N, C-alpha and C. Protein backbone atom coordinates (compact mmCIF):
# COMPACT_ATOMS: atom_id res chain seq x y z
N MET A 1 0.97 -1.13 0.19
CA MET A 1 -0.17 -0.16 0.26
C MET A 1 0.88 1.42 0.25
N PRO A 2 0.84 2.21 -1.02
CA PRO A 2 1.29 3.62 -0.91
C PRO A 2 1.18 4.02 0.05
N ILE A 3 2.11 4.74 0.34
CA ILE A 3 1.96 6.10 1.38
C ILE A 3 2.27 6.78 0.77
N SER A 4 1.47 8.29 1.63
CA SER A 4 1.72 9.33 0.91
C SER A 4 3.14 10.22 1.13
N CYS A 5 4.10 10.71 0.25
CA CYS A 5 5.59 11.38 0.83
C CYS A 5 4.81 12.87 0.52
N ALA A 6 3.72 13.49 0.96
CA ALA A 6 3.70 14.52 1.30
C ALA A 6 4.48 15.65 2.90
N PRO A 7 4.61 15.94 2.57
CA PRO A 7 5.35 16.76 4.05
C PRO A 7 4.40 17.03 5.42
N ALA A 8 3.44 17.87 4.86
CA ALA A 8 2.45 17.11 6.05
C ALA A 8 2.23 16.47 6.59
N ASP A 9 1.98 15.19 5.09
CA ASP A 9 1.48 13.47 6.03
C ASP A 9 3.07 13.22 6.56
N LEU A 10 3.99 13.24 6.62
CA LEU A 10 4.59 12.97 6.68
C LEU A 10 4.96 12.59 8.18
N VAL A 11 5.10 14.18 8.33
CA VAL A 11 4.99 14.65 9.74
C VAL A 11 4.05 14.27 11.01
N SER A 12 2.33 13.66 10.59
CA SER A 12 1.99 13.80 10.86
C SER A 12 1.87 12.16 11.39
N ALA A 13 2.51 11.48 10.18
CA ALA A 13 2.49 10.12 10.79
C ALA A 13 3.57 9.55 11.59
N SER A 14 4.62 10.08 11.46
CA SER A 14 5.72 10.25 12.57
C SER A 14 5.85 10.52 14.09
N ALA A 15 4.63 11.88 14.10
CA ALA A 15 4.53 12.36 15.02
C ALA A 15 4.80 11.88 16.86
N CYS A 16 5.34 10.37 16.98
CA CYS A 16 5.87 10.34 17.72
C CYS A 16 6.62 9.58 18.00
N PHE A 17 7.75 9.69 16.52
CA PHE A 17 9.30 9.55 16.56
C PHE A 17 9.80 9.95 17.85
N GLU A 18 9.48 11.07 17.78
CA GLU A 18 9.91 11.53 19.26
C GLU A 18 10.29 10.71 20.70
N CYS A 19 8.84 9.94 20.97
CA CYS A 19 8.98 8.90 21.82
C CYS A 19 9.93 7.91 22.24
N VAL A 20 10.14 7.91 20.99
CA VAL A 20 12.10 7.49 20.97
C VAL A 20 12.95 7.45 20.97
N PRO A 21 14.27 7.80 21.94
CA PRO A 21 15.46 8.07 22.90
C PRO A 21 16.04 8.50 21.59
N ARG A 22 16.48 9.42 21.58
CA ARG A 22 17.23 10.38 20.85
C ARG A 22 18.08 9.77 19.99
N GLU A 23 18.76 9.02 21.21
CA GLU A 23 20.09 8.29 20.77
C GLU A 23 19.85 6.29 20.60
N ALA A 24 18.30 6.37 20.32
CA ALA A 24 17.85 5.29 20.26
C ALA A 24 17.34 5.29 18.18
N GLN A 25 16.98 6.84 18.30
CA GLN A 25 16.91 7.52 16.42
C GLN A 25 17.03 6.84 15.63
N LYS A 26 18.19 7.21 15.36
CA LYS A 26 18.87 6.31 14.37
C LYS A 26 18.93 4.56 13.89
N GLN A 27 19.34 4.00 14.83
CA GLN A 27 19.23 2.53 14.77
C GLN A 27 17.50 1.43 14.31
N VAL A 28 16.70 2.88 15.57
CA VAL A 28 15.64 3.08 14.66
C VAL A 28 14.81 2.83 13.05
N GLU A 29 15.92 3.98 12.63
CA GLU A 29 15.28 3.99 11.31
C GLU A 29 15.77 3.24 10.18
N LEU A 30 17.01 2.60 10.51
CA LEU A 30 17.85 1.86 9.56
C LEU A 30 16.89 0.20 10.00
N TYR A 31 16.50 0.28 11.13
CA TYR A 31 15.57 -1.17 11.30
C TYR A 31 14.71 -1.13 10.59
N LEU A 32 13.34 -0.16 10.13
CA LEU A 32 12.77 0.44 9.58
C LEU A 32 12.59 0.38 7.85
N LEU A 33 14.10 1.21 7.96
CA LEU A 33 14.82 0.73 6.80
C LEU A 33 14.93 -0.79 6.14
N ASN A 34 15.50 -1.52 6.79
CA ASN A 34 15.60 -3.11 6.60
C ASN A 34 14.57 -3.64 6.11
N GLN A 35 13.21 -3.87 7.47
CA GLN A 35 12.29 -3.90 7.28
C GLN A 35 11.06 -4.03 5.90
N ILE A 36 11.63 -3.00 5.26
CA ILE A 36 10.72 -2.06 4.03
C ILE A 36 11.61 -3.01 3.09
N LEU A 37 12.90 -3.14 3.26
CA LEU A 37 13.62 -3.53 2.09
C LEU A 37 13.51 -5.11 1.94
N GLY A 38 12.84 -5.39 3.17
CA GLY A 38 12.47 -7.37 3.15
C GLY A 38 13.90 -8.05 3.56
N THR A 39 14.78 -7.70 3.55
CA THR A 39 16.30 -8.64 4.10
C THR A 39 15.18 -10.32 4.34
N GLY A 40 14.42 -10.06 5.03
CA GLY A 40 13.76 -11.66 5.89
C GLY A 40 15.05 -11.67 7.58
N LEU A 41 15.67 -10.70 7.98
CA LEU A 41 16.52 -10.57 9.16
C LEU A 41 15.75 -10.69 9.90
N THR A 42 16.11 -11.24 11.53
CA THR A 42 15.14 -11.31 12.28
C THR A 42 15.81 -10.28 13.23
N VAL A 43 15.02 -9.65 13.94
CA VAL A 43 16.09 -8.70 14.57
C VAL A 43 17.38 -8.75 15.51
N GLU A 44 17.74 -10.58 15.72
CA GLU A 44 18.86 -10.83 16.42
C GLU A 44 19.67 -11.01 15.08
N GLN A 45 19.51 -11.23 14.06
CA GLN A 45 20.13 -11.36 12.62
C GLN A 45 20.63 -9.58 12.45
N LEU A 46 19.60 -8.93 12.53
CA LEU A 46 20.34 -7.72 12.42
C LEU A 46 21.20 -6.78 13.63
N VAL A 47 20.83 -7.42 14.49
CA VAL A 47 21.59 -6.21 15.61
C VAL A 47 22.75 -7.28 15.66
N THR A 48 23.07 -8.42 14.97
CA THR A 48 23.99 -9.24 14.79
C THR A 48 25.15 -9.01 13.30
N ASN A 49 24.46 -8.68 12.34
CA ASN A 49 24.85 -7.67 11.30
C ASN A 49 25.39 -6.65 11.44
N SER A 50 24.53 -6.03 12.64
CA SER A 50 24.85 -4.47 12.22
C SER A 50 26.03 -4.26 13.88
N ALA A 51 26.52 -5.20 13.88
CA ALA A 51 27.39 -5.35 15.26
C ALA A 51 28.37 -4.31 15.14
N CYS A 52 29.07 -3.27 14.13
CA CYS A 52 29.77 -3.06 13.64
C CYS A 52 29.01 -1.39 13.27
N TYR A 53 27.99 -1.45 13.73
CA TYR A 53 27.43 -0.27 13.29
C TYR A 53 28.31 1.26 14.04
N GLN A 54 28.51 0.53 14.76
CA GLN A 54 29.37 1.95 15.98
C GLN A 54 30.47 2.29 15.30
N CYS A 55 30.99 0.98 14.17
CA CYS A 55 32.36 1.37 13.66
C CYS A 55 32.22 2.60 12.67
N ILE A 56 30.98 2.32 12.47
CA ILE A 56 30.77 3.38 11.09
C ILE A 56 30.19 5.05 11.45
N PRO A 57 31.09 5.90 11.31
CA PRO A 57 31.80 7.10 11.50
C PRO A 57 30.39 8.21 11.52
N LYS A 58 30.24 8.83 12.29
CA LYS A 58 28.82 9.67 12.56
C LYS A 58 28.27 10.33 11.55
N ALA A 59 29.29 10.37 10.76
CA ALA A 59 28.92 11.76 9.60
C ALA A 59 28.37 10.82 8.68
N MET A 60 28.82 9.51 8.35
CA MET A 60 28.46 8.25 7.54
C MET A 60 26.89 7.79 7.80
N HIS A 61 26.38 7.81 8.80
CA HIS A 61 25.45 7.22 9.41
C HIS A 61 24.49 7.55 8.13
N ASP A 62 23.87 9.20 7.66
CA ASP A 62 23.03 9.65 6.63
C ASP A 62 22.97 8.77 5.66
N ALA A 63 24.15 8.26 5.28
CA ALA A 63 24.71 7.73 3.57
C ALA A 63 24.60 6.17 3.70
N VAL A 64 24.38 5.80 4.99
CA VAL A 64 24.01 4.10 5.45
C VAL A 64 22.31 4.30 4.99
N ALA A 65 21.85 5.36 5.75
CA ALA A 65 20.31 5.12 5.17
C ALA A 65 19.78 5.55 3.88
N GLU A 66 20.20 6.24 2.95
CA GLU A 66 20.62 7.00 1.83
C GLU A 66 21.04 5.55 1.08
N TYR A 67 21.76 4.96 1.21
CA TYR A 67 22.08 3.77 0.59
C TYR A 67 20.75 2.37 0.74
N LEU A 68 20.08 2.40 1.90
CA LEU A 68 19.04 1.77 1.82
C LEU A 68 18.08 2.39 1.62
N LEU A 69 17.79 3.85 1.10
CA LEU A 69 16.56 3.91 0.18
C LEU A 69 16.71 4.38 -0.85
N CYS A 70 17.91 3.77 -1.20
CA CYS A 70 18.25 3.80 -3.10
C CYS A 70 18.05 2.39 -3.40
N GLN A 71 18.25 1.48 -2.31
CA GLN A 71 17.79 -0.01 -2.54
C GLN A 71 16.26 -0.15 -2.57
N ILE A 72 15.66 0.62 -1.31
CA ILE A 72 14.40 0.00 -1.61
C ILE A 72 13.85 0.46 -3.11
N ALA A 73 14.31 2.28 -3.22
CA ALA A 73 13.21 2.51 -4.28
C ALA A 73 13.94 1.70 -6.01
N ASN A 74 14.33 1.13 -5.39
CA ASN A 74 14.96 -0.21 -6.99
C ASN A 74 14.65 -1.16 -6.44
N LYS A 75 14.27 -1.93 -5.76
CA LYS A 75 13.79 -3.11 -5.16
C LYS A 75 12.88 -3.35 -6.71
């Protein structure tokens, strides 16, 4: 089911994202992108496969998300 990408709709749909502690928001974003991509990874597998997430410089975290978005768009 397609979702609206209109800014107002995105803001409304993500209203409770602030309920997630700030330090965990990026991990939640990447987890959701992984789910959308449909890799089939369980939470445990995702944790194991992303154990070195902290090895990625913070300046590159957005690039990782962009890569996943590109993979989703080209799925």
